[in-house]
Amino acid sequence: MLREQKSVSKRGEGAGSEQIAGSEGNLRPGIWQLAFPSILGNLSFTVVGMVQTKFIGELGPQALAAVGAGQRVFFAMQAILMAVSAGTTALVARAWGAGDYREASRVTMASLVLAGALSLAVTVLGYFFAPAVAGVFGLDPATLAMAAENIRWLCLFNVAFAVNFILSAALRASGDAWSPLWISGGVNVLNIPLLYLFVFGSYGFPEMGVAGAAVAAGLAFTFGGLMLVVLWVKQKFRVKHIGGGWWRRDRLKRLLDIGYPAALEQFVFQFGFFIFLMLIGNFYGTEAFAAYNIGINVLQVCMTVGFGFSIAGSTLVGQHLGAGDPERAAKSGWRSMGLAMVAMGSLGGVIMLYARELTLFFVGDAPVTVARTVEFIYLLGAMMPLLAVDFSIGGSLRGAGDTRFPLMATMFSLIGMRCGLAAIATYMGLPVVWVYAALIGDYLLKASMLIWRFKRGRWKTIVRTGEPGLQNA
């Protein structure tokens, strides 16, 4: 249920603080109003991921492993965009909560330009170093070649991914979670037929196999990015396009101050996964490596739900802090966590019950891969309530601008706990299920750290509403 904004900052009442968002800005959405459309939008991406897994599974375990390796490298390259997105969410939500809608629009413009420039730099690096980076996973030569080609094609569409990331983050931070849903729905409706055409080479299209999955995603996101930009420029969104006044050093500095710990967290996160998957690929083979990635895709529906509550928590915490109401900000974070734990835990339990049937559907007749995948689904499915804490409380902290502590939590839990336990299991020659089980220690430690931080409340004063960069220029 929409609630009237409790308070509006005096900065939004001056002559330079024109309310360009209209009356919508005076309304604060509830958790479900933000989480539900975000869940639906990401659920559609999950469906596409499952279709992709099914299509690539027709090509065999090597192709599945190549896609998994390619995605892992690509996610690492996207860390810089996630960093800018974190700054965008925190500053747009804070400005919106304070009633400073022009500042929210200027932050959006600055974020888009910054993300676009950085994505071009990442494109060049990723394209030329794809084989070397993918080679760390210990894959056989044929799988490595497919993974490198997949990465290169994904890199060519980096700017399109950046546009989707930033504009969608800004809209959600303003409380508009429905517009990104419609755009992402169009992206995914387009992505599925493109997958079929480019993976298998149907109807005269080239048969590209693993690379075809990257081309399909890139073209679909290009369509989504164009739609977002056109509608934004035509002033169809509550966060308006604004041409001047956005290029200010203090605004960019605040974006980077909030964003760079998020970037480091993503680099640490991806580095930890690189180590974890290197251990699996080099010591347990392609089947165990493929099983990890299949299991992640099967359980992606749970993470989709978690991402919805992460968006809700970050947006509401930021908006309430901007409105000068830290207590309601805290209540929003705790409530997001409770709902996420129930929803993700329930879905994880259902998927565990049907783990073998789901794995057979995606993998087919590959006994070793099936067995390893089922083991992994059991372990990760049981961890969904703890992963819910990561999504919801981690998102709430980032929405408050507290991006440094999640970085520390990731370093201790992923690098120290998961990779450390996995290395010990590998050194002792234990079965791969013990390596998979290292994630239990990871999620236990991280959930404990995040809850402790949120309970202490230091995040309430990390970013002060009156600081430069949240004022009209």
Protein backbone atom coordinates (compact mmCIF):
# COMPACT_ATOMS: atom_id res chain seq x y z
CA MET A 1 0.00 0.00 0.00
CA LEU A 2 1.31 3.44 -0.90
CA ARG A 3 2.00 5.69 2.04
CA GLU A 4 2.34 9.44 2.03
CA GLN A 5 5.89 10.67 2.36
CA LYS A 6 6.52 11.42 5.99
CA SER A 7 8.79 14.39 5.43
CA VAL A 8 10.34 16.37 2.63
CA SER A 9 13.74 18.00 2.91
CA LYS A 10 13.79 21.78 2.88
CA ARG A 11 16.21 21.61 -0.03
CA GLY A 12 13.32 20.41 -2.20
CA GLU A 13 11.29 23.56 -1.42
CA GLY A 14 13.63 26.16 -2.90
CA ALA A 15 13.24 27.92 -6.20
CA GLY A 16 15.92 25.75 -7.75
CA SER A 17 14.14 22.53 -6.72
CA GLU A 18 11.45 22.22 -9.33
CA GLN A 19 9.46 18.99 -8.81
CA ILE A 20 10.01 17.53 -12.25
CA ALA A 21 8.62 14.17 -11.18
CA GLY A 22 5.12 15.41 -10.51
CA SER A 23 2.89 14.16 -7.74
CA GLU A 24 4.25 10.61 -8.01
CA GLY A 25 7.31 11.65 -6.02
CA ASN A 26 5.23 12.28 -2.91
CA LEU A 27 4.28 8.64 -2.63
CA ARG A 28 6.48 5.96 -1.09
CA PRO A 29 5.92 2.39 -2.32
CA GLY A 30 5.68 -0.62 -0.03
CA ILE A 31 8.02 -3.60 -0.04
CA TRP A 32 5.81 -5.77 -2.23
CA GLN A 33 5.17 -2.95 -4.69
CA LEU A 34 8.92 -2.86 -5.33
CA ALA A 35 9.74 -6.54 -4.85
CA PHE A 36 6.91 -8.08 -6.88
CA PRO A 37 7.60 -6.44 -10.28
CA SER A 38 11.34 -6.89 -9.72
CA ILE A 39 10.78 -10.59 -9.00
CA LEU A 40 8.64 -10.94 -12.13
CA GLY A 41 11.23 -9.19 -14.26
CA ASN A 42 14.10 -11.29 -12.99
CA LEU A 43 11.98 -14.43 -13.14
CA SER A 44 11.67 -13.83 -16.87
CA PHE A 45 15.49 -13.67 -17.05
CA THR A 46 15.62 -16.91 -15.09
CA VAL A 47 13.27 -18.57 -17.56
CA VAL A 48 15.54 -17.45 -20.39
CA GLY A 49 18.53 -18.84 -18.47
CA MET A 50 16.78 -22.19 -18.12
CA VAL A 51 15.88 -22.24 -21.82
CA GLN A 52 19.50 -21.41 -22.62
CA THR A 53 20.67 -24.24 -20.36
CA LYS A 54 18.28 -26.63 -22.08
CA PHE A 55 19.41 -25.57 -25.58
CA ILE A 56 23.12 -25.64 -24.73
CA GLY A 57 22.61 -28.95 -22.88
CA GLU A 58 21.68 -30.46 -26.25
CA LEU A 59 25.29 -29.78 -27.27
CA GLY A 60 26.76 -31.73 -24.33
CA PRO A 61 28.52 -31.14 -20.99
CA GLN A 62 31.46 -29.37 -22.67
CA ALA A 63 29.17 -26.70 -24.06
CA LEU A 64 27.49 -26.25 -20.67
CA ALA A 65 30.89 -25.86 -19.00
CA ALA A 66 31.94 -23.33 -21.68
CA VAL A 67 28.84 -21.20 -21.09
CA GLY A 68 29.41 -21.37 -17.32
CA ALA A 69 33.03 -20.26 -17.67
CA GLY A 70 32.08 -17.53 -20.13
CA GLN A 71 29.38 -16.19 -17.85
CA ARG A 72 31.72 -16.18 -14.86
CA VAL A 73 34.31 -14.10 -16.75
CA PHE A 74 31.62 -11.80 -18.09
CA PHE A 75 30.18 -11.24 -14.61
CA ALA A 76 33.65 -10.29 -13.41
CA MET A 77 33.91 -7.71 -16.19
CA GLN A 78 30.49 -6.34 -15.22
CA ALA A 79 31.71 -5.51 -11.71
CA ILE A 80 32.42 -1.93 -12.73
CA LEU A 81 28.83 -1.48 -13.94
CA MET A 82 27.49 -2.95 -10.70
CA ALA A 83 29.59 -0.40 -8.84
CA VAL A 84 28.12 2.55 -10.73
CA SER A 85 24.68 0.98 -10.29
CA ALA A 86 25.18 0.83 -6.50
CA GLY A 87 26.01 4.53 -6.42
CA THR A 88 23.04 5.30 -8.66
CA THR A 89 20.62 3.41 -6.41
CA ALA A 90 21.86 5.01 -3.19
CA LEU A 91 21.94 8.59 -4.47
CA VAL A 92 18.74 8.49 -6.53
CA ALA A 93 16.80 6.89 -3.66
CA ARG A 94 18.21 9.39 -1.15
CA ALA A 95 17.40 12.37 -3.41
CA TRP A 96 13.93 11.02 -4.12
CA GLY A 97 13.16 10.53 -0.46
CA ALA A 98 14.26 14.12 0.20
CA GLY A 99 11.96 15.41 -2.55
CA ASP A 100 14.90 16.55 -4.69
CA TYR A 101 13.73 15.10 -8.01
CA ARG A 102 15.97 17.21 -10.22
CA GLU A 103 19.02 15.87 -8.40
CA ALA A 104 17.77 12.32 -8.95
CA SER A 105 17.61 13.05 -12.69
CA ARG A 106 21.09 14.56 -12.74
CA VAL A 107 22.55 11.59 -10.87
CA THR A 108 20.95 9.31 -13.44
CA MET A 109 22.52 11.21 -16.34
CA ALA A 110 25.95 11.28 -14.70
CA SER A 111 25.74 7.57 -13.93
CA LEU A 112 24.78 6.68 -17.49
CA VAL A 113 27.68 8.60 -19.02
CA LEU A 114 30.16 7.18 -16.49
CA ALA A 115 28.95 3.60 -16.98
CA GLY A 116 29.01 3.94 -20.76
CA ALA A 117 32.61 5.14 -20.78
CA LEU A 118 33.78 2.42 -18.40
CA SER A 119 31.96 -0.29 -20.34
CA LEU A 120 33.85 0.65 -23.51
CA ALA A 121 37.17 0.22 -21.70
CA VAL A 122 36.06 -3.17 -20.36
CA THR A 123 35.01 -4.22 -23.87
CA VAL A 124 38.53 -3.76 -25.23
CA LEU A 125 40.18 -5.64 -22.35
CA GLY A 126 37.66 -8.49 -22.38
CA TYR A 127 37.80 -9.02 -26.11
CA PHE A 128 41.57 -9.36 -26.35
CA PHE A 129 42.22 -11.25 -23.11
CA ALA A 130 39.25 -13.66 -23.21
CA PRO A 131 41.24 -16.87 -23.92
CA ALA A 132 43.84 -16.13 -21.24
CA VAL A 133 41.26 -15.42 -18.55
CA ALA A 134 39.01 -18.38 -19.42
CA GLY A 135 42.09 -20.62 -19.38
CA VAL A 136 42.38 -20.46 -15.58
CA PHE A 137 39.49 -22.89 -15.14
CA GLY A 138 41.51 -25.87 -16.37
CA LEU A 139 39.07 -26.72 -19.16
CA ASP A 140 40.01 -28.93 -22.09
CA PRO A 141 41.05 -27.11 -25.32
CA ALA A 142 37.71 -27.50 -27.09
CA THR A 143 35.73 -26.20 -24.10
CA LEU A 144 38.20 -23.33 -23.63
CA ALA A 145 37.81 -22.24 -27.26
CA MET A 146 34.01 -22.17 -26.91
CA ALA A 147 34.21 -20.20 -23.65
CA ALA A 148 36.55 -17.58 -25.16
CA GLU A 149 34.27 -17.07 -28.16
CA ASN A 150 31.28 -16.69 -25.85
CA ILE A 151 33.10 -14.00 -23.82
CA ARG A 152 34.15 -12.04 -26.90
CA TRP A 153 30.63 -11.86 -28.27
CA LEU A 154 29.26 -10.76 -24.89
CA CYS A 155 31.90 -8.01 -24.72
CA LEU A 156 30.69 -6.46 -27.97
CA PHE A 157 27.36 -5.62 -26.34
CA ASN A 158 28.77 -4.10 -23.13
CA VAL A 159 27.33 -0.62 -23.72
CA ALA A 160 23.83 -2.08 -24.17
CA PHE A 161 24.18 -3.94 -20.87
CA ALA A 162 25.34 -0.69 -19.20
CA VAL A 163 22.29 1.26 -20.40
CA ASN A 164 19.93 -1.42 -19.09
CA PHE A 165 21.76 -1.63 -15.74
CA ILE A 166 21.84 2.09 -14.97
CA LEU A 167 18.46 3.27 -16.20
CA SER A 168 16.69 0.32 -14.57
CA ALA A 169 18.52 0.97 -11.28
CA ALA A 170 17.55 4.65 -11.34
CA LEU A 171 13.89 3.89 -12.03
CA ARG A 172 13.69 1.31 -9.24
CA ALA A 173 15.43 3.69 -6.82
CA SER A 174 12.69 6.25 -7.52
CA GLY A 175 10.06 3.62 -6.68
CA ASP A 176 9.17 2.74 -10.29
CA ALA A 177 9.76 -1.01 -10.53
CA TRP A 178 7.12 -1.57 -13.23
CA SER A 179 8.80 0.23 -16.14
CA PRO A 180 11.95 -1.94 -15.92
CA LEU A 181 9.64 -4.97 -15.76
CA TRP A 182 7.97 -4.16 -19.08
CA ILE A 183 11.30 -3.50 -20.76
CA SER A 184 12.90 -6.67 -19.37
CA GLY A 185 9.82 -8.62 -20.45
CA GLY A 186 10.33 -7.42 -24.02
CA VAL A 187 14.03 -8.28 -23.82
CA ASN A 188 13.30 -11.82 -22.73
CA VAL A 189 10.47 -12.42 -25.17
CA LEU A 190 12.95 -11.52 -27.91
CA ASN A 191 15.84 -13.46 -26.38
CA ILE A 192 14.22 -16.91 -26.52
CA PRO A 193 13.59 -17.11 -30.29
CA LEU A 194 17.01 -15.54 -30.92
CA LEU A 195 18.56 -18.30 -28.81
CA TYR A 196 16.93 -20.95 -30.99
CA LEU A 197 17.95 -19.22 -34.20
CA PHE A 198 21.60 -18.55 -33.33
CA VAL A 199 22.42 -21.65 -31.26
CA PHE A 200 21.03 -24.17 -33.75
CA GLY A 201 21.22 -22.13 -36.97
CA SER A 202 17.54 -22.39 -37.88
CA TYR A 203 15.76 -20.58 -40.73
CA GLY A 204 18.95 -19.56 -42.49
CA PHE A 205 20.66 -18.07 -39.44
CA PRO A 206 24.27 -19.13 -38.73
CA GLU A 207 24.72 -22.11 -36.41
CA MET A 208 26.89 -20.56 -33.68
CA GLY A 209 26.46 -23.00 -30.78
CA VAL A 210 27.75 -21.58 -27.49
CA ALA A 211 28.55 -18.20 -29.09
CA GLY A 212 24.97 -18.00 -30.33
CA ALA A 213 23.75 -17.69 -26.73
CA ALA A 214 25.89 -14.56 -26.31
CA VAL A 215 24.71 -13.05 -29.59
CA ALA A 216 21.06 -13.66 -28.69
CA ALA A 217 21.47 -12.00 -25.28
CA GLY A 218 23.40 -9.08 -26.75
CA LEU A 219 20.82 -8.32 -29.43
CA ALA A 220 17.93 -8.61 -26.96
CA PHE A 221 19.61 -6.23 -24.48
CA THR A 222 20.41 -3.81 -27.30
CA PHE A 223 16.68 -3.68 -28.06
CA GLY A 224 15.92 -3.10 -24.36
CA GLY A 225 18.55 -0.39 -24.05
CA LEU A 226 17.21 1.48 -27.08
CA MET A 227 13.67 1.32 -25.70
CA LEU A 228 14.80 2.68 -22.32
CA VAL A 229 16.76 5.56 -23.86
CA VAL A 230 13.95 6.56 -26.24
CA LEU A 231 11.30 6.57 -23.50
CA TRP A 232 13.65 8.39 -21.12
CA VAL A 233 14.50 11.13 -23.63
CA LYS A 234 10.78 11.53 -24.40
CA GLN A 235 10.19 12.09 -20.65
CA LYS A 236 7.97 9.01 -20.24
CA PHE A 237 9.54 7.99 -16.91
CA ARG A 238 9.27 9.56 -13.45
CA VAL A 239 13.06 10.05 -13.47
CA LYS A 240 13.34 12.62 -16.25
CA HIS A 241 15.98 13.15 -18.88
CA ILE A 242 17.89 16.33 -18.09
CA GLY A 243 20.49 17.86 -20.37
CA GLY A 244 22.44 20.31 -18.22
CA GLY A 245 23.97 20.65 -14.79
CA TRP A 246 24.74 16.96 -14.30
CA TRP A 247 28.52 17.19 -14.87
CA ARG A 248 29.71 18.24 -11.43
CA ARG A 249 32.81 17.00 -9.69
CA ASP A 250 31.12 16.53 -6.30
CA ARG A 251 28.30 14.47 -7.84
CA LEU A 252 30.69 12.19 -9.71
CA LYS A 253 32.87 11.95 -6.61
CA ARG A 254 29.90 10.78 -4.55
CA LEU A 255 29.01 8.19 -7.17
CA LEU A 256 32.56 6.87 -7.08
CA ASP A 257 32.85 7.06 -3.27
CA ILE A 258 29.78 4.85 -2.89
CA GLY A 259 30.48 2.78 -5.97
CA TYR A 260 34.13 1.85 -5.66
CA PRO A 261 33.67 -0.42 -2.59
CA ALA A 262 30.82 -2.11 -4.51
CA ALA A 263 33.21 -2.55 -7.45
CA LEU A 264 35.87 -4.00 -5.17
CA GLU A 265 33.25 -6.28 -3.62
CA GLN A 266 32.31 -7.55 -7.08
CA PHE A 267 35.97 -8.07 -7.99
CA VAL A 268 36.55 -9.94 -4.73
CA PHE A 269 33.33 -11.87 -5.31
CA GLN A 270 34.32 -12.89 -8.84
CA PHE A 271 37.92 -13.58 -7.79
CA GLY A 272 36.63 -15.90 -5.08
CA PHE A 273 34.45 -17.71 -7.57
CA PHE A 274 37.41 -17.98 -9.94
CA ILE A 275 39.43 -19.72 -7.22
CA PHE A 276 36.50 -21.94 -6.26
CA LEU A 277 35.79 -22.98 -9.85
CA MET A 278 39.49 -23.37 -10.64
CA LEU A 279 39.69 -25.97 -7.87
CA ILE A 280 36.67 -27.81 -9.26
CA GLY A 281 37.73 -27.61 -12.92
CA ASN A 282 41.39 -28.49 -12.39
CA PHE A 283 40.95 -31.28 -9.80
CA TYR A 284 37.49 -32.75 -10.45
CA GLY A 285 36.92 -32.37 -14.20
CA THR A 286 34.47 -30.90 -16.68
CA GLU A 287 31.45 -32.83 -15.32
CA ALA A 288 31.83 -31.40 -11.81
CA PHE A 289 32.40 -27.93 -13.27
CA ALA A 290 29.29 -28.20 -15.44
CA ALA A 291 27.26 -29.52 -12.48
CA TYR A 292 27.97 -26.38 -10.46
CA ASN A 293 26.71 -24.12 -13.25
CA ILE A 294 23.63 -26.26 -13.94
CA GLY A 295 22.72 -26.24 -10.25
CA ILE A 296 23.07 -22.46 -10.11
CA ASN A 297 20.72 -22.12 -13.08
CA VAL A 298 18.15 -24.49 -11.56
CA LEU A 299 18.13 -22.53 -8.28
CA GLN A 300 18.19 -19.17 -10.04
CA VAL A 301 14.46 -18.79 -9.43
CA CYS A 302 15.18 -18.53 -5.68
CA MET A 303 17.85 -15.91 -6.27
CA THR A 304 15.44 -14.01 -8.49
CA VAL A 305 13.10 -13.67 -5.52
CA GLY A 306 16.02 -12.56 -3.34
CA PHE A 307 17.02 -9.92 -5.86
CA GLY A 308 13.50 -8.49 -5.72
CA PHE A 309 13.74 -8.05 -1.95
CA SER A 310 17.24 -6.62 -2.34
CA ILE A 311 15.83 -3.90 -4.61
CA ALA A 312 12.95 -3.25 -2.20
CA GLY A 313 15.27 -3.01 0.79
CA SER A 314 17.82 -0.73 -0.89
CA THR A 315 15.17 1.59 -2.34
CA LEU A 316 13.09 1.98 0.83
CA VAL A 317 16.08 2.34 3.14
CA GLY A 318 17.52 5.05 0.88
CA GLN A 319 14.21 6.88 0.52
CA HIS A 320 13.40 6.79 4.23
CA LEU A 321 16.87 8.07 5.10
CA GLY A 322 16.47 10.84 2.55
CA ALA A 323 13.16 11.75 4.21
CA GLY A 324 14.87 11.88 7.63
CA ASP A 325 13.21 8.72 9.02
CA PRO A 326 15.98 6.23 9.99
CA GLU A 327 13.68 4.11 12.17
CA ARG A 328 11.33 3.36 9.31
CA ALA A 329 14.38 2.66 7.16
CA ALA A 330 15.48 0.00 9.66
CA LYS A 331 12.01 -1.56 9.76
CA SER A 332 12.00 -1.77 5.97
CA GLY A 333 15.31 -3.64 5.99
CA TRP A 334 14.25 -6.17 8.65
CA ARG A 335 10.89 -6.77 6.98
CA SER A 336 12.58 -7.34 3.62
CA MET A 337 14.83 -9.91 5.27
CA GLY A 338 11.95 -11.82 6.87
CA LEU A 339 9.92 -11.98 3.67
CA ALA A 340 12.97 -12.99 1.62
CA MET A 341 13.87 -15.82 4.02
CA VAL A 342 10.36 -17.29 3.90
CA ALA A 343 10.03 -16.99 0.12
CA MET A 344 13.52 -18.21 -0.83
CA GLY A 345 13.53 -20.99 1.78
CA SER A 346 10.18 -22.33 0.55
CA LEU A 347 11.21 -22.30 -3.09
CA GLY A 348 14.57 -23.90 -2.27
CA GLY A 349 12.79 -26.73 -0.45
CA VAL A 350 10.49 -27.43 -3.41
CA ILE A 351 13.43 -27.49 -5.84
CA MET A 352 15.34 -29.88 -3.56
CA LEU A 353 12.39 -32.31 -3.68
CA TYR A 354 12.57 -32.42 -7.47
CA ALA A 355 16.32 -32.02 -7.86
CA ARG A 356 16.88 -35.21 -9.87
CA GLU A 357 13.93 -34.68 -12.20
CA LEU A 358 14.97 -31.11 -12.95
CA THR A 359 18.57 -32.13 -13.55
CA LEU A 360 17.58 -34.91 -15.96
CA PHE A 361 15.44 -32.44 -17.89
CA PHE A 362 18.37 -30.10 -18.45
CA VAL A 363 21.23 -32.59 -18.78
CA GLY A 364 19.75 -35.78 -20.21
CA ASP A 365 21.83 -38.96 -20.28
CA ALA A 366 25.03 -37.92 -18.48
CA PRO A 367 25.12 -39.95 -15.21
CA VAL A 368 28.19 -38.34 -13.63
CA THR A 369 27.01 -34.79 -14.34
CA VAL A 370 23.52 -35.62 -13.08
CA ALA A 371 24.84 -37.07 -9.80
CA ARG A 372 27.11 -34.09 -9.11
CA THR A 373 24.34 -31.60 -9.98
CA VAL A 374 21.83 -33.21 -7.61
CA GLU A 375 24.40 -33.10 -4.77
CA PHE A 376 25.00 -29.42 -5.41
CA ILE A 377 21.28 -28.57 -5.56
CA TYR A 378 20.72 -30.24 -2.17
CA LEU A 379 23.49 -28.16 -0.59
CA LEU A 380 22.65 -24.80 -2.13
CA GLY A 381 18.89 -25.30 -1.75
CA ALA A 382 19.30 -25.79 1.99
CA MET A 383 21.25 -22.53 2.19
CA MET A 384 18.52 -20.34 0.67
CA PRO A 385 17.39 -18.73 3.99
CA LEU A 386 20.97 -17.62 4.64
CA LEU A 387 21.36 -16.40 1.07
CA ALA A 388 18.16 -14.39 1.63
CA VAL A 389 19.96 -12.46 4.38
CA ASP A 390 22.75 -11.64 1.93
CA PHE A 391 20.29 -10.31 -0.64
CA SER A 392 17.99 -8.34 1.66
CA ILE A 393 20.31 -6.96 4.35
CA GLY A 394 23.19 -6.53 1.93
CA GLY A 395 20.86 -4.58 -0.38
CA SER A 396 19.59 -2.46 2.50
CA LEU A 397 23.14 -1.52 3.54
CA ARG A 398 24.03 -0.56 -0.04
CA GLY A 399 20.85 1.51 -0.29
CA ALA A 400 22.05 3.45 2.73
CA GLY A 401 25.41 4.03 1.04
CA ASP A 402 27.23 1.55 3.30
CA THR A 403 29.07 -0.33 0.57
CA ARG A 404 32.32 -0.93 2.46
CA PHE A 405 31.05 -3.42 5.01
CA PRO A 406 29.51 -5.80 2.41
CA LEU A 407 32.96 -5.74 0.78
CA MET A 408 34.58 -6.83 4.05
CA ALA A 409 31.95 -9.51 4.59
CA THR A 410 32.56 -10.90 1.10
CA MET A 411 36.32 -11.00 1.66
CA PHE A 412 36.03 -12.95 4.92
CA SER A 413 33.21 -15.29 3.88
CA LEU A 414 33.97 -16.06 0.24
CA ILE A 415 37.75 -15.76 0.07
CA GLY A 416 38.57 -16.82 3.61
CA MET A 417 35.85 -19.32 4.43
CA ARG A 418 34.59 -20.84 1.17
CA CYS A 419 37.86 -20.88 -0.77
CA GLY A 420 39.81 -21.89 2.33
CA LEU A 421 37.53 -24.85 3.09
CA ALA A 422 37.42 -25.84 -0.58
CA ALA A 423 41.23 -25.80 -0.79
CA ILE A 424 41.47 -27.99 2.32
CA ALA A 425 38.97 -30.48 0.87
CA THR A 426 40.87 -30.56 -2.42
CA TYR A 427 44.23 -31.01 -0.69
CA MET A 428 42.83 -33.91 1.33
CA GLY A 429 41.50 -35.57 -1.83
CA LEU A 430 37.89 -35.55 -0.63
CA PRO A 431 34.99 -36.03 -3.10
CA VAL A 432 33.79 -32.88 -4.89
CA VAL A 433 30.66 -32.74 -2.73
CA TRP A 434 32.91 -31.58 0.13
CA VAL A 435 34.17 -28.74 -2.06
CA TYR A 436 30.57 -27.78 -2.82
CA ALA A 437 29.82 -27.93 0.92
CA ALA A 438 32.32 -25.12 1.55
CA LEU A 439 29.55 -22.69 0.64
CA ILE A 440 27.80 -23.55 3.93
CA GLY A 441 30.60 -21.86 5.88
CA ASP A 442 30.53 -18.95 3.43
CA TYR A 443 26.81 -18.20 3.87
CA LEU A 444 26.79 -18.73 7.64
CA LEU A 445 29.61 -16.27 8.20
CA LYS A 446 28.33 -13.65 5.78
CA ALA A 447 24.74 -13.71 7.09
CA SER A 448 26.03 -13.30 10.65
CA MET A 449 28.25 -10.36 9.72
CA LEU A 450 25.54 -8.54 7.75
CA ILE A 451 22.92 -8.93 10.50
CA TRP A 452 25.41 -7.66 13.10
CA ARG A 453 26.20 -4.60 10.98
CA PHE A 454 22.58 -3.74 10.26
CA LYS A 455 21.64 -4.15 13.91
CA ARG A 456 24.37 -1.75 15.04
CA GLY A 457 22.87 1.04 12.88
CA ARG A 458 26.02 2.84 11.74
CA TRP A 459 24.64 2.76 8.19
CA LYS A 460 22.09 5.41 9.21
CA THR A 461 24.77 8.12 9.12
CA ILE A 462 27.14 6.84 6.40
CA VAL A 463 25.75 9.38 3.91
CA ARG A 464 24.39 12.60 5.33
CA THR A 465 21.44 14.13 3.56
CA GLY A 466 22.91 17.61 3.64
CA GLU A 467 26.20 16.72 1.97
CA PRO A 468 27.07 18.14 -1.46
CA GLY A 469 25.92 16.08 -4.39
CA LEU A 470 22.40 15.73 -3.06
CA GLN A 471 21.57 19.35 -3.72
CA ASN A 472 20.33 21.06 -6.83
CA ALA A 473 23.05 22.52 -9.00
